[in-house]
Amino acid sequence: MIVVRFKVQCQPQKTEQVMAAFQEVNAPSRAVDGVISFDIARDLANSDSFIATEVFEDQAARERQESLPEVGKVLALLPESIAAPPEATVFHVSHSEPAGA
C-alpha cells in the first residue's frame, strides 16, 4: 500500500481557481481501480493551502490516478498559482490494521 500526503500553498488570488480544479479531481480519482482513499481538503491553519491524502493499493494504481486528465489540469495550473514549493511525502505501508484493533 502507498500513502501520499501532498500539500500546496496557493497565491491568495489563485486559491479559488486551484480549489475548483482540485474539486474536479476527487470523483474520478476515487473511481480509479486500486485507489483505496482519496481526499483533498483546505488546511485549517491556512485557507490558501490544500492537503491531499491519497491511498493506493500499489504503484500501478498511483500511476493510473496520476494519468487522469483532471490531474494533468491541476499540474499545469500549479506553477503559476503556488506561493511555495509543493510538499509531498510518500509512505510505503507493509502492514495496516483498523484503529482500536
PDB file of N, CA and C in Angstrom:
ATOM      1  N   MET A   1       0.854  -1.172   0.000  1.00  0.00           N
ATOM      2  CA  MET A   1       0.000   0.000   0.000  1.00  0.00           C
ATOM      3  C   MET A   1       0.897   1.230   0.000  1.00  0.00           C
ATOM      4  N   ILE A   2       0.453   2.259  -0.696  1.00  0.00           N
ATOM      5  CA  ILE A   2       1.179   3.524  -0.781  1.00  0.00           C
ATOM      6  C   ILE A   2       0.257   4.633  -0.282  1.00  0.00           C
ATOM      7  N   VAL A   3       0.774   5.455   0.622  1.00  0.00           N
ATOM      8  CA  VAL A   3       0.045   6.617   1.126  1.00  0.00           C
ATOM      9  C   VAL A   3       0.841   7.852   0.730  1.00  0.00           C
ATOM     10  N   VAL A   4       0.173   8.811   0.115  1.00  0.00           N
ATOM     11  CA  VAL A   4       0.811  10.051  -0.309  1.00  0.00           C
ATOM     12  C   VAL A   4       0.132  11.216   0.399  1.00  0.00           C
ATOM     13  N   ARG A   5       0.957  12.084   0.974  1.00  0.00           N
ATOM     14  CA  ARG A   5       0.460  13.342   1.544  1.00  0.00           C
ATOM     15  C   ARG A   5       1.058  14.450   0.687  1.00  0.00           C
ATOM     16  N   PHE A   6       0.197  15.244   0.074  1.00  0.00           N
ATOM     17  CA  PHE A   6       0.621  16.319  -0.826  1.00  0.00           C
ATOM     18  C   PHE A   6       0.015  17.622  -0.333  1.00  0.00           C
ATOM     19  N   LYS A   7       0.859  18.632  -0.146  1.00  0.00           N
ATOM     20  CA  LYS A   7       0.370  19.937   0.318  1.00  0.00           C
ATOM     21  C   LYS A   7       0.854  21.018  -0.636  1.00  0.00           C
ATOM     22  N   VAL A   8      -0.053  21.937  -0.936  1.00  0.00           N
ATOM     23  CA  VAL A   8       0.296  23.057  -1.799  1.00  0.00           C
ATOM     24  C   VAL A   8      -0.277  24.339  -1.199  1.00  0.00           C
ATOM     25  N   GLN A   9       0.548  25.378  -1.194  1.00  0.00           N
ATOM     26  CA  GLN A   9       0.109  26.696  -0.735  1.00  0.00           C
ATOM     27  C   GLN A   9      -0.043  27.583  -1.958  1.00  0.00           C
ATOM     28  N   CYS A  10      -1.228  28.142  -2.121  1.00  0.00           N
ATOM     29  CA  CYS A  10      -1.539  28.957  -3.294  1.00  0.00           C
ATOM     30  C   CYS A  10      -1.307  30.439  -3.032  1.00  0.00           C
ATOM     31  N   GLN A  11      -1.098  31.160  -4.116  1.00  0.00           N
ATOM     32  CA  GLN A  11      -1.144  32.612  -4.035  1.00  0.00           C
ATOM     33  C   GLN A  11      -2.603  32.952  -3.718  1.00  0.00           C
ATOM     34  N   PRO A  12      -2.849  33.895  -2.814  1.00  0.00           N
ATOM     35  CA  PRO A  12      -4.234  34.185  -2.402  1.00  0.00           C
ATOM     36  C   PRO A  12      -5.196  34.440  -3.568  1.00  0.00           C
ATOM     37  N   GLN A  13      -4.755  35.121  -4.588  1.00  0.00           N
ATOM     38  CA  GLN A  13      -5.635  35.434  -5.715  1.00  0.00           C
ATOM     39  C   GLN A  13      -5.884  34.222  -6.619  1.00  0.00           C
ATOM     40  N   LYS A  14      -5.172  33.116  -6.396  1.00  0.00           N
ATOM     41  CA  LYS A  14      -5.331  31.908  -7.217  1.00  0.00           C
ATOM     42  C   LYS A  14      -6.026  30.766  -6.471  1.00  0.00           C
ATOM     43  N   THR A  15      -6.274  30.945  -5.179  1.00  0.00           N
ATOM     44  CA  THR A  15      -6.791  29.860  -4.345  1.00  0.00           C
ATOM     45  C   THR A  15      -8.097  29.285  -4.883  1.00  0.00           C
ATOM     46  N   GLU A  16      -9.053  30.101  -5.229  1.00  0.00           N
ATOM     47  CA  GLU A  16     -10.360  29.603  -5.680  1.00  0.00           C
ATOM     48  C   GLU A  16     -10.244  28.841  -6.993  1.00  0.00           C
ATOM     49  N   GLN A  17      -9.380  29.298  -7.882  1.00  0.00           N
ATOM     50  CA  GLN A  17      -9.169  28.617  -9.162  1.00  0.00           C
ATOM     51  C   GLN A  17      -8.557  27.230  -8.931  1.00  0.00           C
ATOM     52  N   VAL A  18      -7.572  27.152  -8.037  1.00  0.00           N
ATOM     53  CA  VAL A  18      -6.952  25.861  -7.726  1.00  0.00           C
ATOM     54  C   VAL A  18      -7.967  24.948  -7.037  1.00  0.00           C
ATOM     55  N   MET A  19      -8.758  25.495  -6.126  1.00  0.00           N
ATOM     56  CA  MET A  19      -9.764  24.691  -5.444  1.00  0.00           C
ATOM     57  C   MET A  19     -10.748  24.084  -6.452  1.00  0.00           C
ATOM     58  N   ALA A  20     -11.173  24.861  -7.413  1.00  0.00           N
ATOM     59  CA  ALA A  20     -12.101  24.356  -8.426  1.00  0.00           C
ATOM     60  C   ALA A  20     -11.475  23.209  -9.221  1.00  0.00           C
ATOM     61  N   ALA A  21     -10.190  23.349  -9.550  1.00  0.00           N
ATOM     62  CA  ALA A  21      -9.505  22.280 -10.278  1.00  0.00           C
ATOM     63  C   ALA A  21      -9.368  21.033  -9.407  1.00  0.00           C
ATOM     64  N   PHE A  22      -9.038  21.212  -8.126  1.00  0.00           N
ATOM     65  CA  PHE A  22      -8.952  20.073  -7.210  1.00  0.00           C
ATOM     66  C   PHE A  22     -10.303  19.379  -7.075  1.00  0.00           C
ATOM     67  N   GLN A  23     -11.387  20.133  -7.043  1.00  0.00           N
ATOM     68  CA  GLN A  23     -12.725  19.530  -6.913  1.00  0.00           C
ATOM     69  C   GLN A  23     -13.022  18.595  -8.082  1.00  0.00           C
ATOM     70  N   GLU A  24     -12.481  18.913  -9.245  1.00  0.00           N
ATOM     71  CA  GLU A  24     -12.701  18.074 -10.424  1.00  0.00           C
ATOM     72  C   GLU A  24     -11.892  16.780 -10.374  1.00  0.00           C
ATOM     73  N   VAL A  25     -10.905  16.708  -9.491  1.00  0.00           N
ATOM     74  CA  VAL A  25     -10.038  15.533  -9.382  1.00  0.00           C
ATOM     75  C   VAL A  25     -10.642  14.464  -8.480  1.00  0.00           C
ATOM     76  N   ASN A  26     -11.372  14.865  -7.449  1.00  0.00           N
ATOM     77  CA  ASN A  26     -11.832  13.914  -6.425  1.00  0.00           C
ATOM     78  C   ASN A  26     -12.604  12.725  -6.984  1.00  0.00           C
ATOM     79  N   ALA A  27     -13.726  12.950  -7.621  1.00  0.00           N
ATOM     80  CA  ALA A  27     -14.584  11.837  -8.061  1.00  0.00           C
ATOM     81  C   ALA A  27     -13.872  10.903  -9.041  1.00  0.00           C
ATOM     82  N   PRO A  28     -13.217  11.414 -10.088  1.00  0.00           N
ATOM     83  CA  PRO A  28     -12.524  10.492 -10.996  1.00  0.00           C
ATOM     84  C   PRO A  28     -11.406   9.704 -10.297  1.00  0.00           C
ATOM     85  N   SER A  29     -10.719  10.338  -9.354  1.00  0.00           N
ATOM     86  CA  SER A  29      -9.646   9.646  -8.643  1.00  0.00           C
ATOM     87  C   SER A  29     -10.193   8.508  -7.805  1.00  0.00           C
ATOM     88  N   ARG A  30     -11.294   8.757  -7.133  1.00  0.00           N
ATOM     89  CA  ARG A  30     -11.894   7.729  -6.283  1.00  0.00           C
ATOM     90  C   ARG A  30     -12.409   6.545  -7.093  1.00  0.00           C
ATOM     91  N   ALA A  31     -12.690   6.771  -8.365  1.00  0.00           N
ATOM     92  CA  ALA A  31     -13.214   5.706  -9.227  1.00  0.00           C
ATOM     93  C   ALA A  31     -12.116   4.852  -9.855  1.00  0.00           C
ATOM     94  N   VAL A  32     -10.866   5.248  -9.725  1.00  0.00           N
ATOM     95  CA  VAL A  32      -9.753   4.515 -10.333  1.00  0.00           C
ATOM     96  C   VAL A  32      -9.547   3.190  -9.599  1.00  0.00           C
ATOM     97  N   ASP A  33      -9.402   2.126 -10.355  1.00  0.00           N
ATOM     98  CA  ASP A  33      -9.129   0.816  -9.783  1.00  0.00           C
ATOM     99  C   ASP A  33      -7.837   0.873  -8.965  1.00  0.00           C
ATOM    100  N   GLY A  34      -7.907   0.434  -7.716  1.00  0.00           N
ATOM    101  CA  GLY A  34      -6.730   0.419  -6.851  1.00  0.00           C
ATOM    102  C   GLY A  34      -6.574   1.640  -5.978  1.00  0.00           C
ATOM    103  N   VAL A  35      -7.448   2.631  -6.141  1.00  0.00           N
ATOM    104  CA  VAL A  35      -7.439   3.780  -5.232  1.00  0.00           C
ATOM    105  C   VAL A  35      -8.307   3.402  -4.034  1.00  0.00           C
ATOM    106  N   ILE A  36      -7.675   3.334  -2.880  1.00  0.00           N
ATOM    107  CA  ILE A  36      -8.378   2.948  -1.657  1.00  0.00           C
ATOM    108  C   ILE A  36      -9.087   4.149  -1.049  1.00  0.00           C
ATOM    109  N   SER A  37      -8.408   5.284  -1.058  1.00  0.00           N
ATOM    110  CA  SER A  37      -8.954   6.508  -0.471  1.00  0.00           C
ATOM    111  C   SER A  37      -8.302   7.694  -1.160  1.00  0.00           C
ATOM    112  N   PHE A  38      -9.085   8.754  -1.356  1.00  0.00           N
ATOM    113  CA  PHE A  38      -8.549   9.957  -1.991  1.00  0.00           C
ATOM    114  C   PHE A  38      -9.330  11.159  -1.484  1.00  0.00           C
ATOM    115  N   ASP A  39      -8.651  12.040  -0.756  1.00  0.00           N
ATOM    116  CA  ASP A  39      -9.299  13.219  -0.188  1.00  0.00           C
ATOM    117  C   ASP A  39      -8.409  14.442  -0.355  1.00  0.00           C
ATOM    118  N   ILE A  40      -9.028  15.564  -0.665  1.00  0.00           N
ATOM    119  CA  ILE A  40      -8.343  16.857  -0.714  1.00  0.00           C
ATOM    120  C   ILE A  40      -9.149  17.811   0.149  1.00  0.00           C
ATOM    121  N   ALA A  41      -8.446  18.530   1.025  1.00  0.00           N
ATOM    122  CA  ALA A  41      -9.135  19.457   1.921  1.00  0.00           C
ATOM    123  C   ALA A  41      -8.305  20.723   2.093  1.00  0.00           C
ATOM    124  N   ARG A  42      -8.977  21.755   2.513  1.00  0.00           N
ATOM    125  CA  ARG A  42      -8.312  23.010   2.828  1.00  0.00           C
ATOM    126  C   ARG A  42      -7.619  22.865   4.184  1.00  0.00           C
ATOM    127  N   ASP A  43      -6.442  23.439   4.301  1.00  0.00           N
ATOM    128  CA  ASP A  43      -5.706  23.445   5.559  1.00  0.00           C
ATOM    129  C   ASP A  43      -6.411  24.392   6.528  1.00  0.00           C
ATOM    130  N   LEU A  44      -6.789  23.915   7.700  1.00  0.00           N
ATOM    131  CA  LEU A  44      -7.492  24.751   8.670  1.00  0.00           C
ATOM    132  C   LEU A  44      -6.634  25.904   9.168  1.00  0.00           C
ATOM    133  N   ALA A  45      -5.320  25.754   9.132  1.00  0.00           N
ATOM    134  CA  ALA A  45      -4.416  26.798   9.615  1.00  0.00           C
ATOM    135  C   ALA A  45      -4.088  27.841   8.545  1.00  0.00           C
ATOM    136  N   ASN A  46      -4.364  27.516   7.266  1.00  0.00           N
ATOM    137  CA  ASN A  46      -4.042  28.434   6.175  1.00  0.00           C
ATOM    138  C   ASN A  46      -5.036  28.188   5.043  1.00  0.00           C
ATOM    139  N   SER A  47      -5.984  29.068   4.872  1.00  0.00           N
ATOM    140  CA  SER A  47      -7.052  28.848   3.894  1.00  0.00           C
ATOM    141  C   SER A  47      -6.575  28.901   2.442  1.00  0.00           C
ATOM    142  N   ASP A  48      -5.325  29.287   2.210  1.00  0.00           N
ATOM    143  CA  ASP A  48      -4.765  29.261   0.861  1.00  0.00           C
ATOM    144  C   ASP A  48      -3.999  27.972   0.574  1.00  0.00           C
ATOM    145  N   SER A  49      -4.037  27.032   1.517  1.00  0.00           N
ATOM    146  CA  SER A  49      -3.324  25.762   1.359  1.00  0.00           C
ATOM    147  C   SER A  49      -4.303  24.597   1.283  1.00  0.00           C
ATOM    148  N   PHE A  50      -3.916  23.588   0.512  1.00  0.00           N
ATOM    149  CA  PHE A  50      -4.696  22.373   0.361  1.00  0.00           C
ATOM    150  C   PHE A  50      -3.811  21.179   0.668  1.00  0.00           C
ATOM    151  N   ILE A  51      -4.405  20.152   1.264  1.00  0.00           N
ATOM    152  CA  ILE A  51      -3.690  18.922   1.569  1.00  0.00           C
ATOM    153  C   ILE A  51      -4.457  17.760   0.963  1.00  0.00           C
ATOM    154  N   ALA A  52      -3.752  16.978   0.173  1.00  0.00           N
ATOM    155  CA  ALA A  52      -4.331  15.760  -0.389  1.00  0.00           C
ATOM    156  C   ALA A  52      -3.758  14.567   0.363  1.00  0.00           C
ATOM    157  N   THR A  53      -4.635  13.651   0.731  1.00  0.00           N
ATOM    158  CA  THR A  53      -4.223  12.389   1.336  1.00  0.00           C
ATOM    159  C   THR A  53      -4.737  11.293   0.423  1.00  0.00           C
ATOM    160  N   GLU A  54      -3.799  10.550  -0.133  1.00  0.00           N
ATOM    161  CA  GLU A  54      -4.117   9.578  -1.165  1.00  0.00           C
ATOM    162  C   GLU A  54      -3.613   8.201  -0.734  1.00  0.00           C
ATOM    163  N   VAL A  55      -4.447   7.173  -0.880  1.00  0.00           N
ATOM    164  CA  VAL A  55      -4.055   5.813  -0.506  1.00  0.00           C
ATOM    165  C   VAL A  55      -4.284   4.905  -1.721  1.00  0.00           C
ATOM    166  N   PHE A  56      -3.227   4.217  -2.110  1.00  0.00           N
ATOM    167  CA  PHE A  56      -3.253   3.360  -3.291  1.00  0.00           C
ATOM    168  C   PHE A  56      -2.886   1.928  -2.924  1.00  0.00           C
ATOM    169  N   GLU A  57      -3.479   0.960  -3.629  1.00  0.00           N
ATOM    170  CA  GLU A  57      -3.099  -0.441  -3.423  1.00  0.00           C
ATOM    171  C   GLU A  57      -1.644  -0.679  -3.780  1.00  0.00           C
ATOM    172  N   ASP A  58      -1.188  -0.033  -4.867  1.00  0.00           N
ATOM    173  CA  ASP A  58       0.171  -0.269  -5.351  1.00  0.00           C
ATOM    174  C   ASP A  58       0.579   0.871  -6.288  1.00  0.00           C
ATOM    175  N   GLN A  59       1.798   0.786  -6.797  1.00  0.00           N
ATOM    176  CA  GLN A  59       2.322   1.832  -7.675  1.00  0.00           C
ATOM    177  C   GLN A  59       1.521   1.938  -8.972  1.00  0.00           C
ATOM    178  N   ALA A  60       1.037   0.821  -9.473  1.00  0.00           N
ATOM    179  CA  ALA A  60       0.243   0.855 -10.707  1.00  0.00           C
ATOM    180  C   ALA A  60      -1.032   1.677 -10.510  1.00  0.00           C
ATOM    181  N   ALA A  61      -1.675   1.536  -9.359  1.00  0.00           N
ATOM    182  CA  ALA A  61      -2.876   2.331  -9.073  1.00  0.00           C
ATOM    183  C   ALA A  61      -2.524   3.809  -9.001  1.00  0.00           C
ATOM    184  N   ARG A  62      -1.409   4.116  -8.370  1.00  0.00           N
ATOM    185  CA  ARG A  62      -0.974   5.517  -8.286  1.00  0.00           C
ATOM    186  C   ARG A  62      -0.734   6.088  -9.680  1.00  0.00           C
ATOM    187  N   GLU A  63      -0.094   5.324 -10.530  1.00  0.00           N
ATOM    188  CA  GLU A  63       0.170   5.785 -11.895  1.00  0.00           C
ATOM    189  C   GLU A  63      -1.123   5.985 -12.679  1.00  0.00           C
ATOM    190  N   ARG A  64      -2.097   5.093 -12.494  1.00  0.00           N
ATOM    191  CA  ARG A  64      -3.393   5.261 -13.176  1.00  0.00           C
ATOM    192  C   ARG A  64      -4.055   6.560 -12.729  1.00  0.00           C
ATOM    193  N   GLN A  65      -4.041   6.819 -11.424  1.00  0.00           N
ATOM    194  CA  GLN A  65      -4.669   8.042 -10.917  1.00  0.00           C
ATOM    195  C   GLN A  65      -3.933   9.273 -11.438  1.00  0.00           C
ATOM    196  N   GLU A  66      -2.612   9.245 -11.404  1.00  0.00           N
ATOM    197  CA  GLU A  66      -1.828  10.400 -11.841  1.00  0.00           C
ATOM    198  C   GLU A  66      -1.951  10.668 -13.338  1.00  0.00           C
ATOM    199  N   SER A  67      -2.417   9.679 -14.102  1.00  0.00           N
ATOM    200  CA  SER A  67      -2.568   9.867 -15.549  1.00  0.00           C
ATOM    201  C   SER A  67      -3.928  10.446 -15.936  1.00  0.00           C
ATOM    202  N   LEU A  68      -4.803  10.674 -14.959  1.00  0.00           N
ATOM    203  CA  LEU A  68      -6.108  11.257 -15.261  1.00  0.00           C
ATOM    204  C   LEU A  68      -5.953  12.653 -15.853  1.00  0.00           C
ATOM    205  N   PRO A  69      -6.784  13.014 -16.833  1.00  0.00           N
ATOM    206  CA  PRO A  69      -6.698  14.362 -17.408  1.00  0.00           C
ATOM    207  C   PRO A  69      -6.955  15.457 -16.375  1.00  0.00           C
ATOM    208  N   GLU A  70      -7.794  15.185 -15.385  1.00  0.00           N
ATOM    209  CA  GLU A  70      -8.082  16.172 -14.340  1.00  0.00           C
ATOM    210  C   GLU A  70      -6.835  16.464 -13.505  1.00  0.00           C
ATOM    211  N   VAL A  71      -6.016  15.445 -13.276  1.00  0.00           N
ATOM    212  CA  VAL A  71      -4.750  15.639 -12.552  1.00  0.00           C
ATOM    213  C   VAL A  71      -3.806  16.475 -13.404  1.00  0.00           C
ATOM    214  N   GLY A  72      -3.759  16.196 -14.697  1.00  0.00           N
ATOM    215  CA  GLY A  72      -2.921  16.979 -15.605  1.00  0.00           C
ATOM    216  C   GLY A  72      -3.303  18.446 -15.603  1.00  0.00           C
ATOM    217  N   LYS A  73      -4.591  18.720 -15.517  1.00  0.00           N
ATOM    218  CA  LYS A  73      -5.065  20.112 -15.471  1.00  0.00           C
ATOM    219  C   LYS A  73      -4.543  20.817 -14.219  1.00  0.00           C
ATOM    220  N   VAL A  74      -4.606  20.122 -13.079  1.00  0.00           N
ATOM    221  CA  VAL A  74      -4.097  20.713 -11.833  1.00  0.00           C
ATOM    222  C   VAL A  74      -2.598  20.951 -11.935  1.00  0.00           C
ATOM    223  N   LEU A  75      -1.874  19.962 -12.418  1.00  0.00           N
ATOM    224  CA  LEU A  75      -0.415  20.097 -12.506  1.00  0.00           C
ATOM    225  C   LEU A  75      -0.003  21.235 -13.440  1.00  0.00           C
ATOM    226  N   ALA A  76      -0.777  21.463 -14.490  1.00  0.00           N
ATOM    227  CA  ALA A  76      -0.488  22.575 -15.400  1.00  0.00           C
ATOM    228  C   ALA A  76      -0.787  23.919 -14.746  1.00  0.00           C
ATOM    229  N   LEU A  77      -1.747  23.939 -13.843  1.00  0.00           N
ATOM    230  CA  LEU A  77      -2.163  25.170 -13.168  1.00  0.00           C
ATOM    231  C   LEU A  77      -1.213  25.571 -12.034  1.00  0.00           C
ATOM    232  N   LEU A  78      -0.611  24.604 -11.379  1.00  0.00           N
ATOM    233  CA  LEU A  78       0.176  24.880 -10.176  1.00  0.00           C
ATOM    234  C   LEU A  78       1.359  25.833 -10.370  1.00  0.00           C
ATOM    235  N   PRO A  79       2.177  25.692 -11.409  1.00  0.00           N
ATOM    236  CA  PRO A  79       3.356  26.573 -11.488  1.00  0.00           C
ATOM    237  C   PRO A  79       3.039  28.065 -11.420  1.00  0.00           C
ATOM    238  N   GLU A  80       1.896  28.462 -11.960  1.00  0.00           N
ATOM    239  CA  GLU A  80       1.535  29.881 -11.946  1.00  0.00           C
ATOM    240  C   GLU A  80       0.672  30.258 -10.741  1.00  0.00           C
ATOM    241  N   SER A  81       0.365  29.273  -9.886  1.00  0.00           N
ATOM    242  CA  SER A  81      -0.594  29.502  -8.807  1.00  0.00           C
ATOM    243  C   SER A  81      -0.039  29.343  -7.402  1.00  0.00           C
ATOM    244  N   ILE A  82       1.115  28.726  -7.260  1.00  0.00           N
ATOM    245  CA  ILE A  82       1.604  28.430  -5.918  1.00  0.00           C
ATOM    246  C   ILE A  82       2.459  29.556  -5.345  1.00  0.00           C
ATOM    247  N   ALA A  83       2.464  29.624  -4.016  1.00  0.00           N
ATOM    248  CA  ALA A  83       3.245  30.637  -3.299  1.00  0.00           C
ATOM    249  C   ALA A  83       4.504  30.039  -2.699  1.00  0.00           C
ATOM    250  N   ALA A  84       4.586  28.708  -2.672  1.00  0.00           N
ATOM    251  CA  ALA A  84       5.735  27.999  -2.118  1.00  0.00           C
ATOM    252  C   ALA A  84       5.828  26.652  -2.824  1.00  0.00           C
ATOM    253  N   PRO A  85       6.995  26.036  -2.810  1.00  0.00           N
ATOM    254  CA  PRO A  85       7.100  24.720  -3.447  1.00  0.00           C
ATOM    255  C   PRO A  85       6.144  23.714  -2.789  1.00  0.00           C
ATOM    256  N   PRO A  86       5.533  22.854  -3.587  1.00  0.00           N
ATOM    257  CA  PRO A  86       4.662  21.823  -3.016  1.00  0.00           C
ATOM    258  C   PRO A  86       5.465  20.893  -2.102  1.00  0.00           C
ATOM    259  N   GLU A  87       4.767  20.327  -1.124  1.00  0.00           N
ATOM    260  CA  GLU A  87       5.367  19.336  -0.228  1.00  0.00           C
ATOM    261  C   GLU A  87       4.716  18.000  -0.536  1.00  0.00           C
ATOM    262  N   ALA A  88       5.530  16.971  -0.649  1.00  0.00           N
ATOM    263  CA  ALA A  88       4.981  15.635  -0.873  1.00  0.00           C
ATOM    264  C   ALA A  88       5.779  14.631  -0.058  1.00  0.00           C
ATOM    265  N   THR A  89       5.057  13.747   0.599  1.00  0.00           N
ATOM    266  CA  THR A  89       5.663  12.649   1.332  1.00  0.00           C
ATOM    267  C   THR A  89       4.974  11.370   0.886  1.00  0.00           C
ATOM    268  N   VAL A  90       5.766  10.368   0.566  1.00  0.00           N
ATOM    269  CA  VAL A  90       5.236   9.080   0.124  1.00  0.00           C
ATOM    270  C   VAL A  90       5.604   8.038   1.172  1.00  0.00           C
ATOM    271  N   PHE A  91       4.587   7.334   1.659  1.00  0.00           N
ATOM    272  CA  PHE A  91       4.777   6.281   2.650  1.00  0.00           C
ATOM    273  C   PHE A  91       4.480   4.937   1.991  1.00  0.00           C
ATOM    274  N   HIS A  92       5.369   3.984   2.174  1.00  0.00           N
ATOM    275  CA  HIS A  92       5.152   2.619   1.689  1.00  0.00           C
ATOM    276  C   HIS A  92       4.780   1.785   2.909  1.00  0.00           C
ATOM    277  N   VAL A  93       3.530   1.349   2.967  1.00  0.00           N
ATOM    278  CA  VAL A  93       2.987   0.664   4.131  1.00  0.00           C
ATOM    279  C   VAL A  93       3.021  -0.838   3.889  1.00  0.00           C
ATOM    280  N   SER A  94       3.661  -1.556   4.804  1.00  0.00           N
ATOM    281  CA  SER A  94       3.728  -3.012   4.649  1.00  0.00           C
ATOM    282  C   SER A  94       2.667  -3.715   5.492  1.00  0.00           C
ATOM    283  N   HIS A  95       2.093  -3.005   6.446  1.00  0.00           N
ATOM    284  CA  HIS A  95       1.078  -3.594   7.314  1.00  0.00           C
ATOM    285  C   HIS A  95       0.144  -2.499   7.791  1.00  0.00           C
ATOM    286  N   SER A  96      -1.135  -2.801   7.862  1.00  0.00           N
ATOM    287  CA  SER A  96      -2.100  -1.854   8.415  1.00  0.00           C
ATOM    288  C   SER A  96      -3.192  -2.635   9.137  1.00  0.00           C
ATOM    289  N   GLU A  97      -3.858  -1.956  10.048  1.00  0.00           N
ATOM    290  CA  GLU A  97      -4.988  -2.553  10.758  1.00  0.00           C
ATOM    291  C   GLU A  97      -5.929  -1.442  11.169  1.00  0.00           C
ATOM    292  N   PRO A  98      -7.188  -1.767  11.398  1.00  0.00           N
ATOM    293  CA  PRO A  98      -8.145  -0.734  11.823  1.00  0.00           C
ATOM    294  C   PRO A  98      -7.732  -0.139  13.170  1.00  0.00           C
ATOM    295  N   ALA A  99      -8.006   1.122  13.366  1.00  0.00           N
ATOM    296  CA  ALA A  99      -7.707   1.765  14.640  1.00  0.00           C
ATOM    297  C   ALA A  99      -8.490   1.081  15.747  1.00  0.00           C
ATOM    298  N   GLY A 100      -7.855   0.958  16.907  1.00  0.00           N
ATOM    299  CA  GLY A 100      -8.512   0.330  18.038  1.00  0.00           C
ATOM    300  C   GLY A 100      -8.452  -1.186  18.029  1.00  0.00           C
ATOM    301  N   ALA A 101      -7.808  -1.757  17.019  1.00  0.00           N
ATOM    302  CA  ALA A 101      -7.744  -3.228  16.943  1.00  0.00           C
ATOM    303  C   ALA A 101      -6.584  -3.771  17.749  1.00  0.00           C
TER     304      ALA A 101
END
